Amino acid sequence: MPDLRWGILGTARINRRLIPAFRAARRSSLTAVASRDRGRASAFAAEWDIPRVFAGYDSLLADAAIDAVYVPLPNSEHVRWTLAAIDAGKHVLCEKPLALDPADVERIAAAARTRDVIVEEGFMYPHEPQTAKVLELVSAGAVGVVRAIVAGFTFALTRTDDVRLDPALGGGALWDIGGYPVTYARMIAGRNPTMVFGSARWSASVVDEEFMGLLRFHGGMTSTVYASFTAAYRTWLEVIGSEGVLTVPHPFRPEPRETLDLTRQGKVDRIEVLGSDVLFVREVEDFEASVLDGTPSVVSLADSRDTARILAGLHASARDRSALYPQ
């Protein structure tokens, strides 16, 4: 019998990335999927060879043969169903953002402590060797003192009925993809920003279809972040220091073999990094280690609380057109 038996709440498109990872992970087995529509769940299970189908999320959570659940639902549903899964005694890997309000992360953390389960927000890139290499280079002084971080994530969202354009479902570019550059900047800084300022272009449905943010950290380091549903697909990260620049072409979805460019005094050193053949598998295996071995989560609930605080501050700043100073 596998060590960790997984169920999925819903048939979201992101499942197509996670399912191969569940199957490649060493100590996991994907055993069930649930949907509010049994026909949809059955069709999805047949497509992906998932043995068990549940009509409704509660029925899956009530099953004792499931140890952990993945929550890929719309943003507005993450807190509700994460708490329901915790109450059922399940471990939870919840797609980002875990919550839109930092107070909700605190509620989740308190519930997880009470039920003695692991809950983690599903950011994949911190689990990858490339991220570890970037942090190692910066920590070792490869660029000198970090002065600025420039990062972004864009793709063209063409479906007008996409849930990411619905404000009632927690839509918007900042909540969907803006968390990537924001969390990377915070990780490099090793602390939370002392000031945030956001500016958005609002869609007809009144979500941010384009978001630009500025973070200022203690000591003078700054980060500019950009997220957009209106530009072609691209991701980027530059760490600019007093002695050099580190360029990361694919920071959030690295290929199995990546090359980082370190520029110092006009000379470019190309640094190769080997990554995962199957994206998300390291995320799943690190989650296994937290549940089965007691290893600390790579993305802790404290990290998720701080991420929610920064993103909520940026969003409020864009609405109010004023800088905010998170506490």
Protein backbone atom coordinates (compact mmCIF):
# COMPACT_ATOMS: atom_id res chain seq x y z
CA MET A 1 0.00 0.00 0.00
CA PRO A 2 1.38 3.47 -0.84
CA ASP A 3 2.42 5.73 2.00
CA LEU A 4 0.25 8.68 0.95
CA ARG A 5 -3.10 8.20 -0.79
CA TRP A 6 -4.29 11.34 -2.58
CA GLY A 7 -7.66 12.70 -3.62
CA ILE A 8 -8.27 15.77 -5.78
CA LEU A 9 -11.08 18.23 -5.15
CA GLY A 10 -12.26 19.29 -8.60
CA THR A 11 -11.28 18.83 -12.24
CA ALA A 12 -9.34 22.08 -12.80
CA ARG A 13 -6.87 22.41 -15.67
CA ILE A 14 -3.90 22.64 -13.29
CA ASN A 15 -4.56 18.98 -12.40
CA ARG A 16 -2.97 18.04 -15.71
CA ARG A 17 0.34 19.21 -14.32
CA LEU A 18 -0.03 17.65 -10.88
CA ILE A 19 -1.27 14.20 -11.90
CA PRO A 20 2.03 13.16 -13.57
CA ALA A 21 3.84 14.41 -10.44
CA PHE A 22 1.66 12.34 -8.10
CA ARG A 23 2.45 9.30 -10.21
CA ALA A 24 6.18 9.99 -10.44
CA ALA A 25 6.56 10.71 -6.71
CA ARG A 26 8.04 7.82 -4.78
CA ARG A 27 5.58 7.53 -1.90
CA SER A 28 2.28 8.72 -3.33
CA SER A 29 -0.70 7.24 -5.10
CA LEU A 30 -3.54 9.17 -6.74
CA THR A 31 -6.67 7.27 -5.79
CA ALA A 32 -9.70 9.56 -6.20
CA VAL A 33 -11.21 12.68 -7.72
CA ALA A 34 -14.36 14.56 -6.73
CA SER A 35 -16.59 17.02 -8.52
CA ARG A 36 -19.94 18.60 -7.75
CA ASP A 37 -21.02 16.99 -11.04
CA ARG A 38 -20.57 13.20 -10.91
CA GLY A 39 -20.57 12.94 -14.70
CA ARG A 40 -17.71 15.39 -14.93
CA ALA A 41 -15.76 13.54 -12.26
CA SER A 42 -16.35 10.20 -14.02
CA ALA A 43 -15.17 11.57 -17.36
CA PHE A 44 -12.08 13.08 -15.76
CA ALA A 45 -11.31 9.85 -13.90
CA ALA A 46 -11.63 7.84 -17.11
CA GLU A 47 -9.33 10.25 -18.97
CA TRP A 48 -6.66 10.08 -16.28
CA ASP A 49 -7.13 6.51 -15.07
CA ILE A 50 -8.13 7.50 -11.53
CA PRO A 51 -9.77 4.55 -9.79
CA ARG A 52 -12.38 6.23 -7.57
CA VAL A 53 -14.98 8.94 -8.20
CA PHE A 54 -16.95 11.01 -5.69
CA ALA A 55 -19.96 13.24 -6.28
CA GLY A 56 -19.26 16.22 -4.04
CA TYR A 57 -16.16 17.23 -2.13
CA ASP A 58 -17.57 16.34 1.29
CA SER A 59 -18.01 12.70 0.32
CA LEU A 60 -14.34 12.44 -0.69
CA LEU A 61 -13.23 14.10 2.55
CA ALA A 62 -15.29 11.62 4.57
CA ASP A 63 -13.46 8.63 3.09
CA ALA A 64 -10.92 7.12 5.50
CA ALA A 65 -8.96 5.58 2.62
CA ILE A 66 -7.69 9.03 1.56
CA ASP A 67 -4.80 10.58 3.49
CA ALA A 68 -4.21 13.87 1.64
CA VAL A 69 -6.05 16.13 -0.76
CA TYR A 70 -5.00 18.58 -3.42
CA VAL A 71 -7.19 21.70 -3.67
CA PRO A 72 -7.08 23.32 -7.14
CA LEU A 73 -10.41 25.17 -6.83
CA PRO A 74 -10.99 28.89 -7.62
CA ASN A 75 -9.15 31.22 -5.24
CA SER A 76 -12.27 32.15 -3.31
CA GLU A 77 -12.84 28.47 -2.40
CA HIS A 78 -9.36 27.70 -1.05
CA VAL A 79 -9.94 28.65 2.57
CA ARG A 80 -13.34 26.93 2.84
CA TRP A 81 -12.22 23.59 1.47
CA THR A 82 -8.80 23.63 3.10
CA LEU A 83 -10.52 24.06 6.48
CA ALA A 84 -13.04 21.34 5.61
CA ALA A 85 -10.20 18.97 4.68
CA ILE A 86 -8.34 19.76 7.90
CA ASP A 87 -11.52 19.11 9.90
CA ALA A 88 -11.73 15.70 8.17
CA GLY A 89 -8.17 14.94 9.28
CA LYS A 90 -6.63 15.19 5.81
CA HIS A 91 -3.28 16.69 4.92
CA VAL A 92 -3.68 19.47 2.36
CA LEU A 93 -1.69 20.75 -0.59
CA CYS A 94 -3.63 23.83 -1.70
CA GLU A 95 -2.97 25.64 -4.93
CA LYS A 96 -1.74 29.20 -4.49
CA PRO A 97 -2.94 31.58 -3.19
CA LEU A 98 -3.78 29.72 0.00
CA ALA A 99 -5.84 32.71 1.13
CA LEU A 100 -6.59 36.27 0.09
CA ASP A 101 -6.53 37.52 3.68
CA PRO A 102 -3.64 36.84 6.09
CA ALA A 103 -6.16 36.32 8.91
CA ASP A 104 -7.46 33.28 7.02
CA VAL A 105 -3.97 31.80 6.92
CA GLU A 106 -3.87 32.16 10.70
CA ARG A 107 -7.20 30.29 10.93
CA ILE A 108 -5.82 27.51 8.73
CA ALA A 109 -2.61 27.29 10.77
CA ALA A 110 -4.54 27.06 14.04
CA ALA A 111 -6.82 24.35 12.66
CA ALA A 112 -3.86 22.38 11.26
CA ARG A 113 -2.15 22.45 14.68
CA THR A 114 -5.30 21.22 16.38
CA ARG A 115 -5.77 18.31 13.97
CA ASP A 116 -2.03 17.62 13.64
CA VAL A 117 -2.01 17.70 9.83
CA ILE A 118 0.30 19.25 7.25
CA VAL A 119 -1.00 22.11 5.11
CA GLU A 120 1.13 23.70 2.41
CA GLU A 121 0.55 26.33 -0.25
CA GLY A 122 1.29 25.01 -3.72
CA PHE A 123 4.15 27.12 -5.01
CA MET A 124 6.25 24.73 -7.08
CA TYR A 125 9.40 26.72 -7.89
CA PRO A 126 10.87 26.91 -4.31
CA HIS A 127 11.26 23.12 -4.46
CA GLU A 128 13.42 23.21 -7.59
CA PRO A 129 17.28 22.98 -7.67
CA GLN A 130 17.46 26.19 -9.72
CA THR A 131 15.92 28.18 -6.88
CA ALA A 132 18.38 26.70 -4.40
CA LYS A 133 21.23 27.63 -6.73
CA VAL A 134 20.03 31.23 -7.09
CA LEU A 135 19.79 31.63 -3.31
CA GLU A 136 23.21 30.02 -2.87
CA LEU A 137 24.84 32.40 -5.38
CA VAL A 138 23.22 35.49 -3.87
CA SER A 139 24.07 34.42 -0.32
CA ALA A 140 27.69 33.81 -1.35
CA GLY A 141 27.97 37.39 -2.65
CA ALA A 142 28.03 36.55 -6.36
CA VAL A 143 26.44 39.92 -7.20
CA GLY A 144 27.74 41.79 -4.16
CA VAL A 145 25.13 43.59 -2.08
CA VAL A 146 21.69 43.14 -3.64
CA ARG A 147 20.28 46.50 -4.66
CA ALA A 148 17.29 45.59 -6.84
CA ILE A 149 15.24 42.63 -8.02
CA VAL A 150 13.26 42.78 -11.25
CA ALA A 151 10.78 39.97 -11.86
CA GLY A 152 7.58 39.23 -13.74
CA PHE A 153 5.16 36.70 -15.11
CA THR A 154 2.85 37.31 -18.08
CA PHE A 155 0.56 35.35 -20.38
CA ALA A 156 -2.31 36.24 -22.69
CA LEU A 157 -5.64 35.21 -21.17
CA THR A 158 -8.07 34.92 -24.08
CA ARG A 159 -11.09 33.14 -22.53
CA THR A 160 -13.59 35.79 -21.47
CA ASP A 161 -15.36 33.35 -19.14
CA ASP A 162 -12.18 32.36 -17.29
CA VAL A 163 -12.58 32.24 -13.49
CA ARG A 164 -9.47 34.39 -13.19
CA LEU A 165 -11.50 37.32 -14.52
CA ASP A 166 -14.26 36.95 -11.92
CA PRO A 167 -13.81 39.21 -8.87
CA ALA A 168 -16.21 37.07 -6.83
CA LEU A 169 -13.82 34.12 -7.27
CA GLY A 170 -10.68 36.00 -6.26
CA GLY A 171 -9.63 36.76 -9.82
CA GLY A 172 -6.92 39.07 -11.11
CA ALA A 173 -3.33 38.90 -12.30
CA LEU A 174 -1.82 39.74 -8.90
CA TRP A 175 -3.50 36.85 -7.09
CA ASP A 176 -2.98 34.41 -9.96
CA ILE A 177 0.62 34.99 -11.08
CA GLY A 178 1.83 38.04 -9.15
CA GLY A 179 2.62 35.84 -6.18
CA TYR A 180 5.54 34.31 -8.07
CA PRO A 181 7.72 37.43 -8.40
CA VAL A 182 6.61 38.70 -5.00
CA THR A 183 7.56 35.52 -3.13
CA TYR A 184 10.85 35.22 -5.00
CA ALA A 185 11.81 38.77 -4.04
CA ARG A 186 10.88 38.14 -0.42
CA MET A 187 12.90 34.91 -0.43
CA ILE A 188 16.01 36.66 -1.74
CA ALA A 189 15.58 39.55 0.70
CA GLY A 190 15.08 37.12 3.58
CA ARG A 191 12.48 39.41 5.14
CA ASN A 192 9.21 41.20 4.48
CA PRO A 193 9.10 44.58 2.72
CA THR A 194 8.76 47.73 4.77
CA MET A 195 6.75 49.46 2.05
CA VAL A 196 4.63 48.34 -0.91
CA PHE A 197 3.07 50.31 -3.72
CA GLY A 198 0.81 48.89 -6.40
CA SER A 199 -0.68 50.10 -9.66
CA ALA A 200 -3.22 48.17 -11.71
CA ARG A 201 -5.07 48.32 -14.99
CA TRP A 202 -8.58 47.12 -14.22
CA SER A 203 -10.59 44.95 -16.62
CA ALA A 204 -14.25 45.39 -17.52
CA SER A 205 -15.06 42.87 -14.78
CA VAL A 206 -13.06 45.02 -12.30
CA VAL A 207 -10.16 42.66 -11.69
CA ASP A 208 -6.56 43.65 -12.30
CA GLU A 209 -5.61 42.38 -15.75
CA GLU A 210 -2.20 44.03 -15.38
CA PHE A 211 -0.38 44.76 -12.14
CA MET A 212 2.84 46.60 -11.37
CA GLY A 213 4.25 46.63 -7.88
CA LEU A 214 7.15 48.13 -5.96
CA LEU A 215 8.52 46.58 -2.77
CA ARG A 216 11.05 48.33 -0.57
CA PHE A 217 13.02 46.36 2.01
CA HIS A 218 15.03 47.41 5.05
CA GLY A 219 18.52 48.48 3.98
CA GLY A 220 17.36 50.02 0.71
CA MET A 221 16.85 46.97 -1.48
CA THR A 222 13.89 47.31 -3.84
CA SER A 223 11.95 44.97 -6.08
CA THR A 224 9.74 45.74 -9.04
CA VAL A 225 7.20 43.07 -9.92
CA TYR A 226 4.93 42.74 -12.92
CA ALA A 227 2.01 40.43 -13.71
CA SER A 228 -0.26 40.58 -16.73
CA PHE A 229 -3.01 38.68 -18.53
CA THR A 230 -2.61 40.87 -21.64
CA ALA A 231 0.96 40.12 -22.76
CA ALA A 232 2.58 37.08 -24.36
CA TYR A 233 3.89 34.33 -22.11
CA ARG A 234 7.15 35.23 -20.42
CA THR A 235 8.80 34.86 -17.02
CA TRP A 236 11.95 36.61 -15.83
CA LEU A 237 14.09 37.41 -12.81
CA GLU A 238 17.14 39.66 -12.47
CA VAL A 239 19.06 40.16 -9.24
CA ILE A 240 21.08 43.37 -9.50
CA GLY A 241 23.86 43.91 -7.01
CA SER A 242 26.73 46.24 -6.26
CA GLU A 243 29.16 43.99 -8.17
CA GLY A 244 27.12 42.06 -10.70
CA VAL A 245 23.82 40.88 -12.14
CA LEU A 246 22.29 37.40 -12.02
CA THR A 247 19.78 36.68 -14.79
CA VAL A 248 17.31 33.79 -14.49
CA PRO A 249 15.35 33.26 -17.74
CA HIS A 250 12.76 30.79 -16.38
CA PRO A 251 12.54 31.34 -12.63
CA PHE A 252 9.07 29.93 -11.96
CA ARG A 253 8.80 26.98 -14.36
CA PRO A 254 12.36 25.81 -14.96
CA GLU A 255 13.23 23.34 -17.70
CA PRO A 256 15.12 20.11 -16.87
CA ARG A 257 18.34 21.92 -17.83
CA GLU A 258 18.65 25.65 -17.23
CA THR A 259 21.40 28.24 -17.64
CA LEU A 260 21.86 31.21 -15.34
CA ASP A 261 23.90 34.21 -16.51
CA LEU A 262 26.16 35.89 -13.95
CA THR A 263 27.59 39.17 -15.25
CA ARG A 264 30.50 40.78 -13.40
CA GLN A 265 32.84 43.48 -14.74
CA GLY A 266 31.66 42.88 -18.30
CA LYS A 267 32.26 39.13 -18.16
CA VAL A 268 29.37 36.65 -18.38
CA ASP A 269 29.65 33.30 -16.61
CA ARG A 270 27.06 30.74 -17.67
CA ILE A 271 26.00 28.44 -14.85
CA GLU A 272 24.15 25.23 -15.74
CA VAL A 273 21.58 23.78 -13.36
CA LEU A 274 19.88 20.40 -13.68
CA GLY A 275 16.26 20.32 -12.59
CA SER A 276 13.24 18.03 -12.66
CA ASP A 277 12.20 15.97 -15.66
CA VAL A 278 8.64 16.15 -14.32
CA LEU A 279 7.66 19.53 -12.88
CA PHE A 280 5.85 19.51 -9.52
CA VAL A 281 7.28 16.10 -8.55
CA ARG A 282 9.74 17.65 -6.07
CA GLU A 283 6.89 19.63 -4.56
CA VAL A 284 4.93 16.40 -4.03
CA GLU A 285 7.96 14.53 -2.68
CA ASP A 286 8.79 17.34 -0.27
CA PHE A 287 5.17 17.22 0.90
CA GLU A 288 5.53 13.47 1.41
CA ALA A 289 8.61 14.12 3.55
CA SER A 290 6.73 16.63 5.70
CA VAL A 291 3.84 14.24 6.30
CA LEU A 292 5.77 10.98 6.65
CA ASP A 293 9.14 12.07 8.04
CA GLY A 294 8.39 15.28 9.91
CA THR A 295 10.56 17.40 7.61
CA PRO A 296 9.69 21.13 7.79
CA SER A 297 7.56 22.36 4.89
CA VAL A 298 9.49 24.14 2.14
CA VAL A 299 6.68 26.72 1.99
CA SER A 300 5.61 27.19 5.61
CA LEU A 301 2.30 28.59 6.77
CA ALA A 302 4.27 31.53 8.18
CA ASP A 303 5.54 32.14 4.64
CA SER A 304 1.98 31.93 3.32
CA ARG A 305 0.72 34.39 5.92
CA ASP A 306 3.41 36.90 4.92
CA THR A 307 2.68 36.35 1.22
CA ALA A 308 -1.02 37.02 1.80
CA ARG A 309 -0.16 40.16 3.77
CA ILE A 310 2.08 41.52 0.99
CA LEU A 311 -0.34 40.69 -1.84
CA ALA A 312 -3.29 42.14 0.06
CA GLY A 313 -1.23 45.27 0.73
CA LEU A 314 -0.31 45.64 -2.94
CA HIS A 315 -3.94 45.17 -3.98
CA ALA A 316 -5.17 47.74 -1.46
CA SER A 317 -2.45 50.17 -2.55
CA ALA A 318 -3.56 49.90 -6.17
CA ARG A 319 -7.19 50.53 -5.18
CA ASP A 320 -6.36 53.46 -2.88
CA ARG A 321 -3.46 54.82 -4.96
CA SER A 322 -1.23 55.15 -1.93
CA ALA A 323 1.81 53.41 -0.50
CA LEU A 324 1.28 51.00 2.38
CA TYR A 325 3.62 50.02 5.19
CA PRO A 326 2.85 46.42 6.22
CA GLN A 327 3.23 45.55 9.91
